[in-house]
Amino acid sequence: MKHLLLYLLLISLVGISGCINNTDNNEEIDDLNTGQNANLTSFQVESSEIEIVSNNMTYPAYTAAPSTEDVKSAIVLIHSFNGLEQGYIDLTDELAAEGYVVLAPEWQTYESSPSDAVVEQLIKDCIAYLETRSDVDAERIGLTGFCAGGRYTMLLLPEIDKFSSGVAWYGFPYSGGNENRPERPVDVLDDLDDPMLVIHGTNDQASNISDIYRYVTELDTAGKYFELKVYQGEPHGFMLADGQLSRSFAARDAYWQMVTFFDRTLK
């Protein structure tokens, strides 16, 4: 009888141990699923449409910022060739909720494909606007862009010294070399002094991933600091779907990669 009781007690202890282990594993899985994308500090956002004057022309722009009185880092966001779609407006709001003053100019207001000189001056005038705001720390301004905006991030981050870091989404490092675009981003990498995050998909038909590997290899050879995040199977422009901000795993993870990069390099 004693042996039977000891045997039943042993079975009970093993069962309890197994339940405890399973509970711990479930908690770890929950942490992995939710911890990465958890927004621990989400600010109330105030947004507005403003105008940026550049080269005697007026460009509409969308801006959003936390409704707090402290001084904050800022980000200039350059949209893709498809214009300032709703997804980019939503993205501007989300970045503002992370604690940034964000400005997204409509750089195609007068031409679908303006010259690099026109866009560069517009971005410089966006910086000048941010410097007038009492809630912006002019020493902590970042740049991010998508598609053509990704190319401009690669091109302008080395050329505009008032930026502190940048995130280039599926850009074109070897595009240029003509009258409107005299320089390719790869041509100016020796002037890059700021950290840059490059985000790309392996199924990008517009900007082949092989060019990105080649580009970051040249960055590495030149001793320039960069980070690279590649998403297997993702196409060009995967951050948006039909003009709306995508909620796919890749899009949300890439967003998190951008935010944490800016948190490390701007805040």
C-alpha atoms as a PDB file:
ATOM      1  CA  MET A   1       0.000   0.000   0.000  1.00  0.00           C
ATOM      2  CA  LYS A   2       2.897   2.337   0.861  1.00  0.00           C
ATOM      3  CA  HIS A   3       4.491   1.603  -2.492  1.00  0.00           C
ATOM      4  CA  LEU A   4       1.225   2.397  -4.270  1.00  0.00           C
ATOM      5  CA  LEU A   5       0.903   5.738  -2.462  1.00  0.00           C
ATOM      6  CA  LEU A   6       4.514   6.659  -3.282  1.00  0.00           C
ATOM      7  CA  TYR A   7       3.929   5.765  -6.938  1.00  0.00           C
ATOM      8  CA  LEU A   8       0.802   7.953  -7.134  1.00  0.00           C
ATOM      9  CA  LEU A   9       2.640  10.822  -5.427  1.00  0.00           C
ATOM     10  CA  LEU A  10       5.479  10.561  -7.941  1.00  0.00           C
ATOM     11  CA  ILE A  11       3.031  10.696 -10.863  1.00  0.00           C
ATOM     12  CA  SER A  12       1.394  13.804  -9.351  1.00  0.00           C
ATOM     13  CA  LEU A  13       4.743  15.571  -8.983  1.00  0.00           C
ATOM     14  CA  VAL A  14       5.699  14.801 -12.594  1.00  0.00           C
ATOM     15  CA  GLY A  15       2.325  16.111 -13.775  1.00  0.00           C
ATOM     16  CA  ILE A  16       2.682  19.324 -11.777  1.00  0.00           C
ATOM     17  CA  SER A  17       6.220  19.800 -13.103  1.00  0.00           C
ATOM     18  CA  GLY A  18       5.004  19.373 -16.662  1.00  0.00           C
ATOM     19  CA  CYS A  19       2.261  21.978 -16.175  1.00  0.00           C
ATOM     20  CA  ILE A  20       4.742  24.477 -14.769  1.00  0.00           C
ATOM     21  CA  ASN A  21       7.117  24.006 -17.698  1.00  0.00           C
ATOM     22  CA  ASN A  22       4.310  24.411 -20.233  1.00  0.00           C
ATOM     23  CA  THR A  23       3.174  27.635 -18.581  1.00  0.00           C
ATOM     24  CA  ASP A  24       6.682  29.086 -18.794  1.00  0.00           C
ATOM     25  CA  ASN A  25       6.971  28.154 -22.458  1.00  0.00           C
ATOM     26  CA  ASN A  26       3.631  29.782 -23.264  1.00  0.00           C
ATOM     27  CA  GLU A  27       4.740  32.974 -21.539  1.00  0.00           C
ATOM     28  CA  GLU A  28       7.959  32.985 -23.559  1.00  0.00           C
ATOM     29  CA  ILE A  29       6.006  32.514 -26.795  1.00  0.00           C
ATOM     30  CA  ASP A  30       3.653  35.358 -25.853  1.00  0.00           C
ATOM     31  CA  ASP A  31       6.664  37.588 -25.172  1.00  0.00           C
ATOM     32  CA  LEU A  32       8.119  36.773 -28.585  1.00  0.00           C
ATOM     33  CA  ASN A  33       4.815  37.414 -30.331  1.00  0.00           C
ATOM     34  CA  THR A  34       3.970  40.688 -28.616  1.00  0.00           C
ATOM     35  CA  GLY A  35       7.160  42.170 -27.186  1.00  0.00           C
ATOM     36  CA  GLN A  36       8.735  43.256 -30.467  1.00  0.00           C
ATOM     37  CA  ASN A  37       5.812  45.340 -31.694  1.00  0.00           C
ATOM     38  CA  ALA A  38       4.552  46.581 -28.345  1.00  0.00           C
ATOM     39  CA  ASN A  39       4.385  50.375 -28.262  1.00  0.00           C
ATOM     40  CA  LEU A  40       5.295  50.967 -24.633  1.00  0.00           C
ATOM     41  CA  THR A  41       4.981  54.757 -24.893  1.00  0.00           C
ATOM     42  CA  SER A  42       2.395  56.035 -27.338  1.00  0.00           C
ATOM     43  CA  PHE A  43       1.950  59.801 -27.505  1.00  0.00           C
ATOM     44  CA  GLN A  44      -1.158  61.727 -28.460  1.00  0.00           C
ATOM     45  CA  VAL A  45      -0.589  63.192 -31.930  1.00  0.00           C
ATOM     46  CA  GLU A  46      -1.435  66.538 -33.466  1.00  0.00           C
ATOM     47  CA  SER A  47      -1.292  66.711 -37.268  1.00  0.00           C
ATOM     48  CA  SER A  48      -1.760  69.410 -39.883  1.00  0.00           C
ATOM     49  CA  GLU A  49      -1.219  70.280 -43.515  1.00  0.00           C
ATOM     50  CA  ILE A  50       1.322  73.040 -44.084  1.00  0.00           C
ATOM     51  CA  GLU A  51       3.182  74.625 -46.989  1.00  0.00           C
ATOM     52  CA  ILE A  52       6.916  74.561 -47.672  1.00  0.00           C
ATOM     53  CA  VAL A  53       8.272  77.285 -49.949  1.00  0.00           C
ATOM     54  CA  SER A  54      11.198  76.108 -52.073  1.00  0.00           C
ATOM     55  CA  ASN A  55      12.691  77.677 -55.194  1.00  0.00           C
ATOM     56  CA  ASN A  56       9.849  80.232 -55.123  1.00  0.00           C
ATOM     57  CA  MET A  57       7.292  77.410 -55.354  1.00  0.00           C
ATOM     58  CA  THR A  58       4.883  76.271 -52.672  1.00  0.00           C
ATOM     59  CA  TYR A  59       4.726  72.574 -51.789  1.00  0.00           C
ATOM     60  CA  PRO A  60       2.014  71.015 -49.625  1.00  0.00           C
ATOM     61  CA  ALA A  61       3.317  68.897 -46.775  1.00  0.00           C
ATOM     62  CA  TYR A  62       1.810  66.790 -44.015  1.00  0.00           C
ATOM     63  CA  THR A  63       3.232  67.033 -40.527  1.00  0.00           C
ATOM     64  CA  ALA A  64       2.494  65.260 -37.259  1.00  0.00           C
ATOM     65  CA  ALA A  65       3.973  65.596 -33.795  1.00  0.00           C
ATOM     66  CA  PRO A  66       3.386  64.461 -30.218  1.00  0.00           C
ATOM     67  CA  SER A  67       1.211  66.895 -28.302  1.00  0.00           C
ATOM     68  CA  THR A  68       3.856  67.429 -25.629  1.00  0.00           C
ATOM     69  CA  GLU A  69       5.884  70.550 -24.914  1.00  0.00           C
ATOM     70  CA  ASP A  70       9.337  68.956 -24.728  1.00  0.00           C
ATOM     71  CA  VAL A  71      11.953  69.173 -27.485  1.00  0.00           C
ATOM     72  CA  LYS A  72      11.991  66.140 -29.780  1.00  0.00           C
ATOM     73  CA  SER A  73      13.904  64.524 -32.600  1.00  0.00           C
ATOM     74  CA  ALA A  74      12.466  64.998 -36.080  1.00  0.00           C
ATOM     75  CA  ILE A  75      12.183  62.914 -39.255  1.00  0.00           C
ATOM     76  CA  VAL A  76      11.716  63.974 -42.880  1.00  0.00           C
ATOM     77  CA  LEU A  77       9.753  61.340 -44.804  1.00  0.00           C
ATOM     78  CA  ILE A  78      10.049  61.131 -48.620  1.00  0.00           C
ATOM     79  CA  HIS A  79       7.187  59.252 -50.274  1.00  0.00           C
ATOM     80  CA  SER A  80       7.430  56.988 -53.316  1.00  0.00           C
ATOM     81  CA  PHE A  81       6.736  57.718 -56.987  1.00  0.00           C
ATOM     82  CA  ASN A  82       3.053  56.996 -56.254  1.00  0.00           C
ATOM     83  CA  GLY A  83       2.664  60.205 -54.274  1.00  0.00           C
ATOM     84  CA  LEU A  84       1.734  60.962 -50.686  1.00  0.00           C
ATOM     85  CA  GLU A  85      -0.705  58.082 -50.347  1.00  0.00           C
ATOM     86  CA  GLN A  86      -2.836  57.499 -47.274  1.00  0.00           C
ATOM     87  CA  GLY A  87      -0.401  54.861 -46.089  1.00  0.00           C
ATOM     88  CA  TYR A  88       2.380  57.434 -45.795  1.00  0.00           C
ATOM     89  CA  ILE A  89       0.088  59.797 -43.915  1.00  0.00           C
ATOM     90  CA  ASP A  90      -0.752  56.994 -41.487  1.00  0.00           C
ATOM     91  CA  LEU A  91       2.940  56.154 -41.196  1.00  0.00           C
ATOM     92  CA  THR A  92       3.703  59.783 -40.388  1.00  0.00           C
ATOM     93  CA  ASP A  93       1.127  59.648 -37.595  1.00  0.00           C
ATOM     94  CA  GLU A  94       2.545  56.380 -36.253  1.00  0.00           C
ATOM     95  CA  LEU A  95       6.080  57.777 -36.136  1.00  0.00           C
ATOM     96  CA  ALA A  96       4.756  60.850 -34.345  1.00  0.00           C
ATOM     97  CA  ALA A  97       3.113  58.568 -31.789  1.00  0.00           C
ATOM     98  CA  GLU A  98       6.590  57.130 -31.174  1.00  0.00           C
ATOM     99  CA  GLY A  99       7.785  60.579 -30.072  1.00  0.00           C
ATOM    100  CA  TYR A 100       9.009  62.212 -33.304  1.00  0.00           C
ATOM    101  CA  VAL A 101       8.084  65.379 -35.176  1.00  0.00           C
ATOM    102  CA  VAL A 102       7.558  64.093 -38.721  1.00  0.00           C
ATOM    103  CA  LEU A 103       7.327  66.062 -41.968  1.00  0.00           C
ATOM    104  CA  ALA A 104       6.277  64.530 -45.312  1.00  0.00           C
ATOM    105  CA  PRO A 105       6.498  66.942 -48.282  1.00  0.00           C
ATOM    106  CA  GLU A 106       4.677  66.289 -51.554  1.00  0.00           C
ATOM    107  CA  TRP A 107       7.765  66.507 -53.739  1.00  0.00           C
ATOM    108  CA  GLN A 108       5.837  65.680 -56.947  1.00  0.00           C
ATOM    109  CA  THR A 109       3.580  68.742 -56.696  1.00  0.00           C
ATOM    110  CA  TYR A 110       4.814  70.258 -59.977  1.00  0.00           C
ATOM    111  CA  GLU A 111       6.474  67.329 -61.759  1.00  0.00           C
ATOM    112  CA  SER A 112       6.131  63.570 -61.475  1.00  0.00           C
ATOM    113  CA  SER A 113       9.889  63.249 -61.846  1.00  0.00           C
ATOM    114  CA  PRO A 114      11.649  66.480 -60.790  1.00  0.00           C
ATOM    115  CA  SER A 115      15.405  66.823 -60.939  1.00  0.00           C
ATOM    116  CA  ASP A 116      17.581  65.802 -58.028  1.00  0.00           C
ATOM    117  CA  ALA A 117      18.522  69.449 -57.517  1.00  0.00           C
ATOM    118  CA  VAL A 118      14.862  70.426 -57.061  1.00  0.00           C
ATOM    119  CA  VAL A 119      14.223  67.641 -54.563  1.00  0.00           C
ATOM    120  CA  GLU A 120      17.420  68.338 -52.648  1.00  0.00           C
ATOM    121  CA  GLN A 121      16.506  71.996 -52.232  1.00  0.00           C
ATOM    122  CA  LEU A 122      13.010  71.047 -51.093  1.00  0.00           C
ATOM    123  CA  ILE A 123      14.414  68.700 -48.454  1.00  0.00           C
ATOM    124  CA  LYS A 124      16.799  71.422 -47.277  1.00  0.00           C
ATOM    125  CA  ASP A 125      13.834  73.791 -46.966  1.00  0.00           C
ATOM    126  CA  CYS A 126      11.976  71.116 -44.984  1.00  0.00           C
ATOM    127  CA  ILE A 127      14.902  71.072 -42.573  1.00  0.00           C
ATOM    128  CA  ALA A 128      14.792  74.867 -42.383  1.00  0.00           C
ATOM    129  CA  TYR A 129      11.117  74.668 -41.448  1.00  0.00           C
ATOM    130  CA  LEU A 130      11.804  72.081 -38.735  1.00  0.00           C
ATOM    131  CA  GLU A 131      14.532  74.320 -37.322  1.00  0.00           C
ATOM    132  CA  THR A 132      11.946  77.067 -36.749  1.00  0.00           C
ATOM    133  CA  ARG A 133       9.840  74.841 -34.512  1.00  0.00           C
ATOM    134  CA  SER A 134      10.321  75.167 -30.782  1.00  0.00           C
ATOM    135  CA  ASP A 135       9.555  71.466 -30.282  1.00  0.00           C
ATOM    136  CA  VAL A 136      12.377  70.236 -32.566  1.00  0.00           C
ATOM    137  CA  ASP A 137      15.999  69.572 -31.670  1.00  0.00           C
ATOM    138  CA  ALA A 138      17.781  70.689 -34.852  1.00  0.00           C
ATOM    139  CA  GLU A 139      20.762  68.482 -33.966  1.00  0.00           C
ATOM    140  CA  ARG A 140      18.656  65.317 -34.157  1.00  0.00           C
ATOM    141  CA  ILE A 141      16.952  65.121 -37.546  1.00  0.00           C
ATOM    142  CA  GLY A 142      16.610  61.868 -39.480  1.00  0.00           C
ATOM    143  CA  LEU A 143      15.657  61.020 -43.052  1.00  0.00           C
ATOM    144  CA  THR A 144      13.608  58.143 -44.428  1.00  0.00           C
ATOM    145  CA  GLY A 145      12.219  57.402 -47.868  1.00  0.00           C
ATOM    146  CA  PHE A 146      10.504  54.741 -49.945  1.00  0.00           C
ATOM    147  CA  CYS A 147      11.214  53.636 -53.540  1.00  0.00           C
ATOM    148  CA  ALA A 148      12.371  56.897 -55.181  1.00  0.00           C
ATOM    149  CA  GLY A 149      12.421  58.239 -51.625  1.00  0.00           C
ATOM    150  CA  GLY A 150      14.724  55.381 -50.711  1.00  0.00           C
ATOM    151  CA  ARG A 151      17.084  56.485 -53.460  1.00  0.00           C
ATOM    152  CA  TYR A 152      16.897  60.054 -52.172  1.00  0.00           C
ATOM    153  CA  THR A 153      17.718  58.832 -48.687  1.00  0.00           C
ATOM    154  CA  MET A 154      20.817  57.079 -50.028  1.00  0.00           C
ATOM    155  CA  LEU A 155      21.724  60.162 -52.070  1.00  0.00           C
ATOM    156  CA  LEU A 156      20.947  63.021 -49.662  1.00  0.00           C
ATOM    157  CA  LEU A 157      22.050  61.530 -46.354  1.00  0.00           C
ATOM    158  CA  PRO A 158      25.707  61.928 -47.426  1.00  0.00           C
ATOM    159  CA  GLU A 159      25.111  65.322 -49.076  1.00  0.00           C
ATOM    160  CA  ILE A 160      23.071  67.158 -46.386  1.00  0.00           C
ATOM    161  CA  ASP A 161      25.112  67.393 -43.210  1.00  0.00           C
ATOM    162  CA  LYS A 162      22.169  68.405 -41.024  1.00  0.00           C
ATOM    163  CA  PHE A 163      20.846  64.841 -41.016  1.00  0.00           C
ATOM    164  CA  SER A 164      22.016  62.488 -38.268  1.00  0.00           C
ATOM    165  CA  SER A 165      20.796  59.120 -39.607  1.00  0.00           C
ATOM    166  CA  GLY A 166      18.581  57.619 -42.290  1.00  0.00           C
ATOM    167  CA  VAL A 167      16.458  54.625 -43.263  1.00  0.00           C
ATOM    168  CA  ALA A 168      16.333  53.758 -46.977  1.00  0.00           C
ATOM    169  CA  TRP A 169      13.426  51.557 -48.044  1.00  0.00           C
ATOM    170  CA  TYR A 170      13.873  49.575 -51.273  1.00  0.00           C
ATOM    171  CA  GLY A 171      15.956  52.277 -52.911  1.00  0.00           C
ATOM    172  CA  PHE A 172      18.010  52.453 -56.109  1.00  0.00           C
ATOM    173  CA  PRO A 173      21.701  52.876 -55.285  1.00  0.00           C
ATOM    174  CA  TYR A 174      22.842  52.734 -58.916  1.00  0.00           C
ATOM    175  CA  SER A 175      20.155  54.957 -60.447  1.00  0.00           C
ATOM    176  CA  GLY A 176      21.358  58.245 -61.936  1.00  0.00           C
ATOM    177  CA  GLY A 177      24.131  59.454 -64.177  1.00  0.00           C
ATOM    178  CA  ASN A 178      22.011  61.675 -66.454  1.00  0.00           C
ATOM    179  CA  GLU A 179      21.145  65.367 -66.766  1.00  0.00           C
ATOM    180  CA  ASN A 180      18.335  65.379 -64.194  1.00  0.00           C
ATOM    181  CA  ARG A 181      20.128  62.923 -61.922  1.00  0.00           C
ATOM    182  CA  PRO A 182      23.839  63.547 -62.367  1.00  0.00           C
ATOM    183  CA  GLU A 183      24.924  61.460 -59.378  1.00  0.00           C
ATOM    184  CA  ARG A 184      24.117  57.933 -58.299  1.00  0.00           C
ATOM    185  CA  PRO A 185      23.849  57.259 -54.557  1.00  0.00           C
ATOM    186  CA  VAL A 186      26.850  54.944 -54.803  1.00  0.00           C
ATOM    187  CA  ASP A 187      28.896  57.838 -56.204  1.00  0.00           C
ATOM    188  CA  VAL A 188      28.591  59.843 -52.974  1.00  0.00           C
ATOM    189  CA  LEU A 189      29.011  57.104 -50.370  1.00  0.00           C
ATOM    190  CA  ASP A 190      32.484  58.384 -49.470  1.00  0.00           C
ATOM    191  CA  ASP A 191      30.739  61.462 -48.031  1.00  0.00           C
ATOM    192  CA  LEU A 192      28.454  59.398 -45.798  1.00  0.00           C
ATOM    193  CA  ASP A 193      29.162  60.130 -42.135  1.00  0.00           C
ATOM    194  CA  ASP A 194      25.824  59.064 -40.637  1.00  0.00           C
ATOM    195  CA  PRO A 195      24.459  55.596 -39.828  1.00  0.00           C
ATOM    196  CA  MET A 196      22.023  54.194 -42.372  1.00  0.00           C
ATOM    197  CA  LEU A 197      19.560  51.314 -42.250  1.00  0.00           C
ATOM    198  CA  VAL A 198      18.727  49.686 -45.597  1.00  0.00           C
ATOM    199  CA  ILE A 199      15.446  47.733 -45.832  1.00  0.00           C
ATOM    200  CA  HIS A 200      14.707  45.557 -48.865  1.00  0.00           C
ATOM    201  CA  GLY A 201      12.836  42.504 -50.098  1.00  0.00           C
ATOM    202  CA  THR A 202      14.361  39.615 -52.036  1.00  0.00           C
ATOM    203  CA  ASN A 203      11.518  39.598 -54.582  1.00  0.00           C
ATOM    204  CA  ASP A 204      11.922  43.265 -55.503  1.00  0.00           C
ATOM    205  CA  GLN A 205      11.560  43.333 -59.298  1.00  0.00           C
ATOM    206  CA  ALA A 206      12.118  47.097 -59.596  1.00  0.00           C
ATOM    207  CA  SER A 207      15.308  47.206 -57.512  1.00  0.00           C
ATOM    208  CA  ASN A 208      17.046  43.850 -57.583  1.00  0.00           C
ATOM    209  CA  ILE A 209      18.378  42.619 -54.265  1.00  0.00           C
ATOM    210  CA  SER A 210      21.733  41.913 -55.930  1.00  0.00           C
ATOM    211  CA  ASP A 211      22.249  45.676 -56.315  1.00  0.00           C
ATOM    212  CA  ILE A 212      21.604  46.144 -52.603  1.00  0.00           C
ATOM    213  CA  TYR A 213      24.149  43.473 -51.657  1.00  0.00           C
ATOM    214  CA  ARG A 214      26.628  45.121 -54.015  1.00  0.00           C
ATOM    215  CA  TYR A 215      25.897  48.560 -52.539  1.00  0.00           C
ATOM    216  CA  VAL A 216      26.311  47.556 -48.911  1.00  0.00           C
ATOM    217  CA  THR A 217      29.499  45.710 -49.825  1.00  0.00           C
ATOM    218  CA  GLU A 218      30.839  49.011 -51.153  1.00  0.00           C
ATOM    219  CA  LEU A 219      29.678  50.736 -47.967  1.00  0.00           C
ATOM    220  CA  ASP A 220      31.496  48.126 -45.929  1.00  0.00           C
ATOM    221  CA  THR A 221      34.665  48.442 -47.993  1.00  0.00           C
ATOM    222  CA  ALA A 222      34.567  52.215 -47.463  1.00  0.00           C
ATOM    223  CA  GLY A 223      34.187  51.717 -43.712  1.00  0.00           C
ATOM    224  CA  LYS A 224      30.723  53.296 -43.572  1.00  0.00           C
ATOM    225  CA  TYR A 225      28.340  52.220 -40.830  1.00  0.00           C
ATOM    226  CA  PHE A 226      25.153  50.600 -42.095  1.00  0.00           C
ATOM    227  CA  GLU A 227      22.581  48.036 -41.056  1.00  0.00           C
ATOM    228  CA  LEU A 228      20.740  45.811 -43.523  1.00  0.00           C
ATOM    229  CA  LYS A 229      17.369  44.117 -43.051  1.00  0.00           C
ATOM    230  CA  VAL A 230      16.243  41.825 -45.871  1.00  0.00           C
ATOM    231  CA  TYR A 231      12.812  40.184 -46.059  1.00  0.00           C
ATOM    232  CA  GLN A 232      12.679  36.932 -47.998  1.00  0.00           C
ATOM    233  CA  GLY A 233      10.079  36.917 -50.755  1.00  0.00           C
ATOM    234  CA  GLU A 234       8.873  40.491 -50.211  1.00  0.00           C
ATOM    235  CA  PRO A 235       8.248  42.626 -53.329  1.00  0.00           C
ATOM    236  CA  HIS A 236       9.014  46.260 -54.045  1.00  0.00           C
ATOM    237  CA  GLY A 237       6.921  48.633 -51.951  1.00  0.00           C
ATOM    238  CA  PHE A 238       5.821  46.017 -49.413  1.00  0.00           C
ATOM    239  CA  MET A 239       5.244  48.635 -46.706  1.00  0.00           C
ATOM    240  CA  LEU A 240       2.045  49.698 -48.476  1.00  0.00           C
ATOM    241  CA  ALA A 241      -0.764  47.638 -50.015  1.00  0.00           C
ATOM    242  CA  ASP A 242      -3.128  49.411 -52.429  1.00  0.00           C
ATOM    243  CA  GLY A 243      -2.028  52.749 -51.035  1.00  0.00           C
ATOM    244  CA  GLN A 244      -2.746  51.755 -47.436  1.00  0.00           C
ATOM    245  CA  LEU A 245      -0.269  50.957 -44.708  1.00  0.00           C
ATOM    246  CA  SER A 246       0.242  47.198 -44.762  1.00  0.00           C
ATOM    247  CA  ARG A 247      -0.291  45.162 -41.600  1.00  0.00           C
ATOM    248  CA  SER A 248       1.622  42.132 -42.835  1.00  0.00           C
ATOM    249  CA  PHE A 249       4.274  40.578 -40.612  1.00  0.00           C
ATOM    250  CA  ALA A 250       7.093  41.901 -42.817  1.00  0.00           C
ATOM    251  CA  ALA A 251       5.672  45.430 -42.889  1.00  0.00           C
ATOM    252  CA  ARG A 252       5.142  45.627 -39.133  1.00  0.00           C
ATOM    253  CA  ASP A 253       8.536  44.105 -38.379  1.00  0.00           C
ATOM    254  CA  ALA A 254      10.218  46.510 -40.811  1.00  0.00           C
ATOM    255  CA  TYR A 255       8.424  49.404 -39.130  1.00  0.00           C
ATOM    256  CA  TRP A 256       9.783  48.221 -35.788  1.00  0.00           C
ATOM    257  CA  GLN A 257      13.276  47.978 -37.276  1.00  0.00           C
ATOM    258  CA  MET A 258      13.026  51.595 -38.454  1.00  0.00           C
ATOM    259  CA  VAL A 259      11.701  52.933 -35.150  1.00  0.00           C
ATOM    260  CA  THR A 260      14.313  51.190 -33.026  1.00  0.00           C
ATOM    261  CA  PHE A 261      17.065  52.326 -35.402  1.00  0.00           C
ATOM    262  CA  PHE A 262      15.948  55.943 -35.087  1.00  0.00           C
ATOM    263  CA  ASP A 263      15.585  55.517 -31.326  1.00  0.00           C
ATOM    264  CA  ARG A 264      19.221  54.416 -31.179  1.00  0.00           C
ATOM    265  CA  THR A 265      20.611  57.053 -33.551  1.00  0.00           C
ATOM    266  CA  LEU A 266      18.457  60.129 -32.882  1.00  0.00           C
ATOM    267  CA  LYS A 267      17.224  60.014 -29.289  1.00  0.00           C
END
